[in-house]
Amino acid sequence: MYEELFKKLFRSAFRSRFKLTPKDIEYINKKGLDTIKLHAEDFIAKRIAPDYIPNDGKQTPMRGHPVFIAQHATAVCCRGCLEKWHHISKNTKLSASEQEYIVSVIMEWIVCQMKYYSS
């Protein structure tokens, strides 16, 4: 679904270094993808969707949850990256459809990682 986007992201030395760890995969398997998606929706709504984020560029931790890893890997970690990589305006509140798009990118990346590491 996001093949072209993922190809571009993979060419970025920074973005391509993000991978799920065995601990992340274990967590996802324990919680289930539906719960991980709920976490992603919550993180995006609270940390990325507002029109003004005082700590933009620093609001997404580099580790601690599979969604955080996916956000950095897919350049949906801050409004600056969203604007650069996804052409979503930086200084406006994200619409419901933009939030859905971001969550779907995150979940697609996670599913791809899960397939890659389970084979």
N, C-alpha and C. Protein backbone atom coordinates (compact mmCIF):
# COMPACT_ATOMS: atom_id res chain seq x y z
N MET A 1 0.82 -1.20 0.00
CA MET A 1 0.00 0.00 0.00
C MET A 1 0.87 1.27 0.00
N TYR A 2 1.92 1.26 0.78
CA TYR A 2 2.81 2.43 0.87
C TYR A 2 4.20 2.10 0.34
N GLU A 3 4.24 1.29 -0.67
CA GLU A 3 5.51 0.80 -1.20
C GLU A 3 6.47 1.92 -1.60
N GLU A 4 5.98 2.90 -2.34
CA GLU A 4 6.85 4.00 -2.79
C GLU A 4 7.36 4.83 -1.60
N LEU A 5 6.48 5.12 -0.67
CA LEU A 5 6.88 5.85 0.53
C LEU A 5 7.96 5.09 1.28
N PHE A 6 7.75 3.79 1.48
CA PHE A 6 8.71 2.99 2.24
C PHE A 6 10.05 2.89 1.50
N LYS A 7 10.02 2.86 0.18
CA LYS A 7 11.27 2.85 -0.59
C LYS A 7 12.06 4.13 -0.33
N LYS A 8 11.37 5.28 -0.35
CA LYS A 8 12.03 6.56 -0.09
C LYS A 8 12.58 6.61 1.33
N LEU A 9 11.78 6.17 2.29
CA LEU A 9 12.22 6.18 3.68
C LEU A 9 13.43 5.26 3.89
N PHE A 10 13.43 4.12 3.21
CA PHE A 10 14.53 3.16 3.35
C PHE A 10 15.84 3.75 2.84
N ARG A 11 15.75 4.67 1.87
CA ARG A 11 16.97 5.31 1.34
C ARG A 11 17.55 6.34 2.31
N SER A 12 16.80 6.71 3.32
CA SER A 12 17.29 7.64 4.34
C SER A 12 18.11 6.85 5.37
N ALA A 13 19.35 7.25 5.56
CA ALA A 13 20.21 6.56 6.54
C ALA A 13 19.58 6.61 7.93
N PHE A 14 18.98 7.75 8.28
CA PHE A 14 18.36 7.89 9.59
C PHE A 14 17.12 7.01 9.72
N ARG A 15 16.20 7.12 8.78
CA ARG A 15 14.93 6.38 8.87
C ARG A 15 15.13 4.87 8.79
N SER A 16 16.06 4.44 7.97
CA SER A 16 16.23 3.00 7.75
C SER A 16 16.89 2.28 8.93
N ARG A 17 17.42 3.02 9.88
CA ARG A 17 18.06 2.35 11.02
C ARG A 17 17.05 1.88 12.06
N PHE A 18 15.81 2.32 11.95
CA PHE A 18 14.79 1.92 12.92
C PHE A 18 14.23 0.55 12.56
N LYS A 19 14.27 -0.34 13.53
CA LYS A 19 13.76 -1.71 13.37
C LYS A 19 13.08 -2.12 14.67
N LEU A 20 12.11 -2.99 14.58
CA LEU A 20 11.52 -3.54 15.79
C LEU A 20 12.49 -4.54 16.41
N THR A 21 12.58 -4.52 17.71
CA THR A 21 13.44 -5.47 18.42
C THR A 21 12.61 -6.72 18.77
N PRO A 22 13.27 -7.80 19.15
CA PRO A 22 12.51 -8.97 19.62
C PRO A 22 11.55 -8.61 20.78
N LYS A 23 11.98 -7.71 21.65
CA LYS A 23 11.13 -7.26 22.76
C LYS A 23 9.88 -6.54 22.23
N ASP A 24 10.05 -5.70 21.20
CA ASP A 24 8.91 -5.01 20.58
C ASP A 24 7.94 -6.02 19.97
N ILE A 25 8.48 -6.99 19.27
CA ILE A 25 7.64 -8.00 18.62
C ILE A 25 6.89 -8.82 19.66
N GLU A 26 7.56 -9.16 20.73
CA GLU A 26 6.91 -9.89 21.83
C GLU A 26 5.76 -9.06 22.41
N TYR A 27 6.00 -7.78 22.59
CA TYR A 27 4.97 -6.87 23.12
C TYR A 27 3.77 -6.81 22.17
N ILE A 28 4.03 -6.68 20.89
CA ILE A 28 2.95 -6.63 19.90
C ILE A 28 2.16 -7.93 19.90
N ASN A 29 2.87 -9.05 19.94
CA ASN A 29 2.19 -10.35 19.97
C ASN A 29 1.34 -10.51 21.22
N LYS A 30 1.83 -10.00 22.34
CA LYS A 30 1.11 -10.09 23.61
C LYS A 30 -0.14 -9.20 23.59
N LYS A 31 -0.01 -7.97 23.11
CA LYS A 31 -1.12 -7.02 23.13
C LYS A 31 -2.07 -7.18 21.96
N GLY A 32 -1.55 -7.59 20.81
CA GLY A 32 -2.35 -7.71 19.59
C GLY A 32 -2.33 -6.43 18.78
N LEU A 33 -2.46 -6.56 17.48
CA LEU A 33 -2.39 -5.41 16.58
C LEU A 33 -3.53 -4.41 16.81
N ASP A 34 -4.70 -4.89 17.22
CA ASP A 34 -5.80 -3.95 17.47
C ASP A 34 -5.46 -3.00 18.62
N THR A 35 -4.84 -3.52 19.66
CA THR A 35 -4.44 -2.67 20.79
C THR A 35 -3.31 -1.74 20.39
N ILE A 36 -2.36 -2.23 19.61
CA ILE A 36 -1.26 -1.38 19.14
C ILE A 36 -1.83 -0.23 18.29
N LYS A 37 -2.82 -0.53 17.48
CA LYS A 37 -3.45 0.52 16.67
C LYS A 37 -4.13 1.56 17.56
N LEU A 38 -4.79 1.12 18.63
CA LEU A 38 -5.39 2.06 19.58
C LEU A 38 -4.32 2.95 20.22
N HIS A 39 -3.19 2.35 20.55
CA HIS A 39 -2.07 3.14 21.10
C HIS A 39 -1.61 4.19 20.08
N ALA A 40 -1.48 3.76 18.83
CA ALA A 40 -1.04 4.68 17.77
C ALA A 40 -2.04 5.84 17.63
N GLU A 41 -3.31 5.52 17.60
CA GLU A 41 -4.33 6.56 17.48
C GLU A 41 -4.24 7.56 18.64
N ASP A 42 -4.04 7.05 19.83
CA ASP A 42 -3.93 7.91 21.01
C ASP A 42 -2.68 8.78 20.95
N PHE A 43 -1.53 8.18 20.61
CA PHE A 43 -0.28 8.95 20.53
C PHE A 43 -0.38 10.05 19.47
N ILE A 44 -0.95 9.72 18.33
CA ILE A 44 -1.07 10.72 17.25
C ILE A 44 -2.02 11.83 17.67
N ALA A 45 -3.15 11.48 18.24
CA ALA A 45 -4.13 12.49 18.65
C ALA A 45 -3.54 13.45 19.69
N LYS A 46 -2.77 12.92 20.62
CA LYS A 46 -2.25 13.75 21.71
C LYS A 46 -0.93 14.45 21.39
N ARG A 47 -0.05 13.78 20.64
CA ARG A 47 1.31 14.29 20.45
C ARG A 47 1.56 14.97 19.10
N ILE A 48 0.77 14.61 18.09
CA ILE A 48 1.05 15.09 16.73
C ILE A 48 -0.08 15.95 16.17
N ALA A 49 -1.32 15.66 16.51
CA ALA A 49 -2.47 16.31 15.88
C ALA A 49 -2.69 17.78 16.22
N PRO A 50 -2.34 18.26 17.42
CA PRO A 50 -2.64 19.68 17.71
C PRO A 50 -1.97 20.63 16.72
N ASP A 51 -2.57 21.82 16.58
CA ASP A 51 -2.00 22.80 15.64
C ASP A 51 -0.71 23.40 16.16
N TYR A 52 -0.53 23.42 17.46
CA TYR A 52 0.73 23.93 18.03
C TYR A 52 1.27 22.91 19.02
N ILE A 53 2.51 22.55 18.83
CA ILE A 53 3.18 21.61 19.72
C ILE A 53 4.44 22.31 20.23
N PRO A 54 4.46 22.66 21.50
CA PRO A 54 5.59 23.45 22.01
C PRO A 54 6.94 22.76 21.89
N ASN A 55 6.96 21.43 21.96
CA ASN A 55 8.22 20.70 21.87
C ASN A 55 8.34 19.90 20.57
N ASP A 56 7.80 20.48 19.49
CA ASP A 56 7.82 19.76 18.21
C ASP A 56 9.24 19.36 17.85
N GLY A 57 9.38 18.12 17.44
CA GLY A 57 10.69 17.57 17.12
C GLY A 57 11.27 16.76 18.27
N LYS A 58 10.65 16.88 19.44
CA LYS A 58 11.13 16.16 20.60
C LYS A 58 10.00 15.41 21.33
N GLN A 59 8.81 15.40 20.76
CA GLN A 59 7.67 14.82 21.45
C GLN A 59 7.57 13.31 21.34
N THR A 60 8.32 12.70 20.44
CA THR A 60 8.23 11.25 20.26
C THR A 60 9.53 10.60 20.72
N PRO A 61 9.47 9.80 21.78
CA PRO A 61 10.68 9.12 22.25
C PRO A 61 11.27 8.21 21.16
N MET A 62 12.55 7.96 21.25
CA MET A 62 13.23 7.10 20.26
C MET A 62 13.05 5.61 20.56
N ARG A 63 12.55 5.30 21.74
CA ARG A 63 12.33 3.89 22.11
C ARG A 63 11.27 3.84 23.20
N GLY A 64 10.90 2.62 23.59
CA GLY A 64 9.95 2.47 24.67
C GLY A 64 8.60 1.92 24.25
N HIS A 65 8.29 2.01 22.97
CA HIS A 65 7.02 1.46 22.45
C HIS A 65 7.19 1.24 20.95
N PRO A 66 6.66 0.14 20.43
CA PRO A 66 6.79 -0.12 18.98
C PRO A 66 6.24 1.02 18.11
N VAL A 67 5.21 1.69 18.57
CA VAL A 67 4.65 2.80 17.78
C VAL A 67 5.66 3.94 17.67
N PHE A 68 6.40 4.22 18.73
CA PHE A 68 7.41 5.28 18.67
C PHE A 68 8.47 4.95 17.63
N ILE A 69 8.90 3.70 17.60
CA ILE A 69 9.89 3.26 16.61
C ILE A 69 9.33 3.44 15.21
N ALA A 70 8.09 3.01 15.03
CA ALA A 70 7.43 3.13 13.72
C ALA A 70 7.27 4.59 13.31
N GLN A 71 6.98 5.46 14.26
CA GLN A 71 6.84 6.88 13.93
C GLN A 71 8.14 7.45 13.37
N HIS A 72 9.25 7.09 13.98
CA HIS A 72 10.53 7.59 13.47
C HIS A 72 10.88 6.95 12.12
N ALA A 73 10.62 5.67 12.00
CA ALA A 73 10.92 4.96 10.75
C ALA A 73 10.12 5.50 9.57
N THR A 74 8.90 5.97 9.85
CA THR A 74 8.01 6.41 8.78
C THR A 74 7.88 7.93 8.70
N ALA A 75 8.67 8.65 9.47
CA ALA A 75 8.69 10.12 9.45
C ALA A 75 7.35 10.75 9.82
N VAL A 76 6.68 10.14 10.79
CA VAL A 76 5.46 10.73 11.34
C VAL A 76 5.65 11.03 12.83
N CYS A 77 6.87 11.34 13.19
CA CYS A 77 7.25 11.54 14.59
C CYS A 77 7.04 12.97 15.07
N CYS A 78 7.00 13.92 14.16
CA CYS A 78 6.79 15.32 14.53
C CYS A 78 6.19 16.05 13.33
N ARG A 79 5.74 17.27 13.56
CA ARG A 79 5.11 18.01 12.49
C ARG A 79 6.10 18.43 11.41
N GLY A 80 7.34 18.67 11.79
CA GLY A 80 8.35 19.00 10.80
C GLY A 80 8.58 17.86 9.82
N CYS A 81 8.67 16.65 10.35
CA CYS A 81 8.86 15.48 9.49
C CYS A 81 7.61 15.19 8.65
N LEU A 82 6.44 15.38 9.25
CA LEU A 82 5.20 15.21 8.49
C LEU A 82 5.15 16.15 7.29
N GLU A 83 5.58 17.38 7.50
CA GLU A 83 5.57 18.35 6.41
C GLU A 83 6.58 17.97 5.34
N LYS A 84 7.79 17.62 5.76
CA LYS A 84 8.86 17.29 4.81
C LYS A 84 8.56 16.03 4.02
N TRP A 85 8.16 14.97 4.69
CA TRP A 85 8.02 13.66 4.05
C TRP A 85 6.63 13.38 3.50
N HIS A 86 5.60 13.94 4.15
CA HIS A 86 4.22 13.59 3.79
C HIS A 86 3.42 14.79 3.28
N HIS A 87 4.05 15.97 3.25
CA HIS A 87 3.42 17.19 2.74
C HIS A 87 2.13 17.55 3.48
N ILE A 88 2.16 17.32 4.79
CA ILE A 88 1.04 17.71 5.65
C ILE A 88 1.46 18.98 6.39
N SER A 89 0.72 20.03 6.21
CA SER A 89 1.06 21.34 6.76
C SER A 89 1.37 21.28 8.25
N LYS A 90 2.40 22.02 8.62
CA LYS A 90 2.93 21.98 9.98
C LYS A 90 2.09 22.71 11.01
N ASN A 91 1.47 23.79 10.67
CA ASN A 91 0.85 24.67 11.66
C ASN A 91 -0.67 24.65 11.68
N THR A 92 -1.25 23.51 11.34
CA THR A 92 -2.70 23.37 11.42
C THR A 92 -3.03 22.07 12.15
N LYS A 93 -4.16 22.07 12.82
CA LYS A 93 -4.60 20.86 13.51
C LYS A 93 -4.84 19.77 12.46
N LEU A 94 -4.39 18.57 12.76
CA LEU A 94 -4.59 17.47 11.82
C LEU A 94 -6.07 17.09 11.75
N SER A 95 -6.53 16.86 10.55
CA SER A 95 -7.90 16.40 10.36
C SER A 95 -8.00 14.92 10.75
N ALA A 96 -9.22 14.45 10.88
CA ALA A 96 -9.44 13.04 11.19
C ALA A 96 -8.84 12.15 10.10
N SER A 97 -8.99 12.55 8.84
CA SER A 97 -8.45 11.73 7.74
C SER A 97 -6.93 11.74 7.74
N GLU A 98 -6.31 12.86 8.09
CA GLU A 98 -4.85 12.90 8.20
C GLU A 98 -4.36 12.01 9.33
N GLN A 99 -5.07 12.03 10.43
CA GLN A 99 -4.70 11.15 11.55
C GLN A 99 -4.85 9.68 11.16
N GLU A 100 -5.92 9.36 10.45
CA GLU A 100 -6.14 7.98 9.98
C GLU A 100 -5.01 7.56 9.03
N TYR A 101 -4.62 8.45 8.15
CA TYR A 101 -3.51 8.17 7.23
C TYR A 101 -2.24 7.86 8.02
N ILE A 102 -1.90 8.69 8.99
CA ILE A 102 -0.69 8.51 9.79
C ILE A 102 -0.72 7.17 10.51
N VAL A 103 -1.84 6.87 11.13
CA VAL A 103 -1.97 5.59 11.84
C VAL A 103 -1.84 4.42 10.87
N SER A 104 -2.41 4.55 9.69
CA SER A 104 -2.30 3.45 8.72
C SER A 104 -0.86 3.25 8.24
N VAL A 105 -0.11 4.33 8.09
CA VAL A 105 1.31 4.22 7.72
C VAL A 105 2.07 3.49 8.83
N ILE A 106 1.83 3.90 10.08
CA ILE A 106 2.48 3.26 11.22
C ILE A 106 2.16 1.78 11.26
N MET A 107 0.90 1.45 11.13
CA MET A 107 0.48 0.04 11.23
C MET A 107 1.01 -0.79 10.07
N GLU A 108 1.04 -0.22 8.89
CA GLU A 108 1.59 -0.94 7.73
C GLU A 108 3.08 -1.26 7.97
N TRP A 109 3.82 -0.29 8.48
CA TRP A 109 5.24 -0.50 8.77
C TRP A 109 5.41 -1.59 9.83
N ILE A 110 4.61 -1.55 10.87
CA ILE A 110 4.69 -2.56 11.93
C ILE A 110 4.39 -3.94 11.38
N VAL A 111 3.35 -4.06 10.58
CA VAL A 111 2.98 -5.36 9.99
C VAL A 111 4.12 -5.87 9.10
N CYS A 112 4.70 -4.98 8.30
CA CYS A 112 5.84 -5.38 7.45
C CYS A 112 7.00 -5.87 8.29
N GLN A 113 7.29 -5.17 9.37
CA GLN A 113 8.37 -5.58 10.27
C GLN A 113 8.07 -6.95 10.90
N MET A 114 6.83 -7.14 11.31
CA MET A 114 6.44 -8.41 11.92
C MET A 114 6.60 -9.56 10.91
N LYS A 115 6.21 -9.35 9.67
CA LYS A 115 6.36 -10.38 8.64
C LYS A 115 7.83 -10.68 8.39
N TYR A 116 8.62 -9.62 8.31
CA TYR A 116 10.05 -9.78 8.01
C TYR A 116 10.75 -10.59 9.10
N TYR A 117 10.45 -10.28 10.34
CA TYR A 117 11.15 -10.94 11.43
C TYR A 117 10.55 -12.27 11.83
N SER A 118 9.38 -12.60 11.30
CA SER A 118 8.80 -13.92 11.61
C SER A 118 9.16 -14.96 10.56
N SER A 119 9.77 -14.52 9.48
CA SER A 119 10.12 -15.48 8.42
C SER A 119 11.52 -16.02 8.59
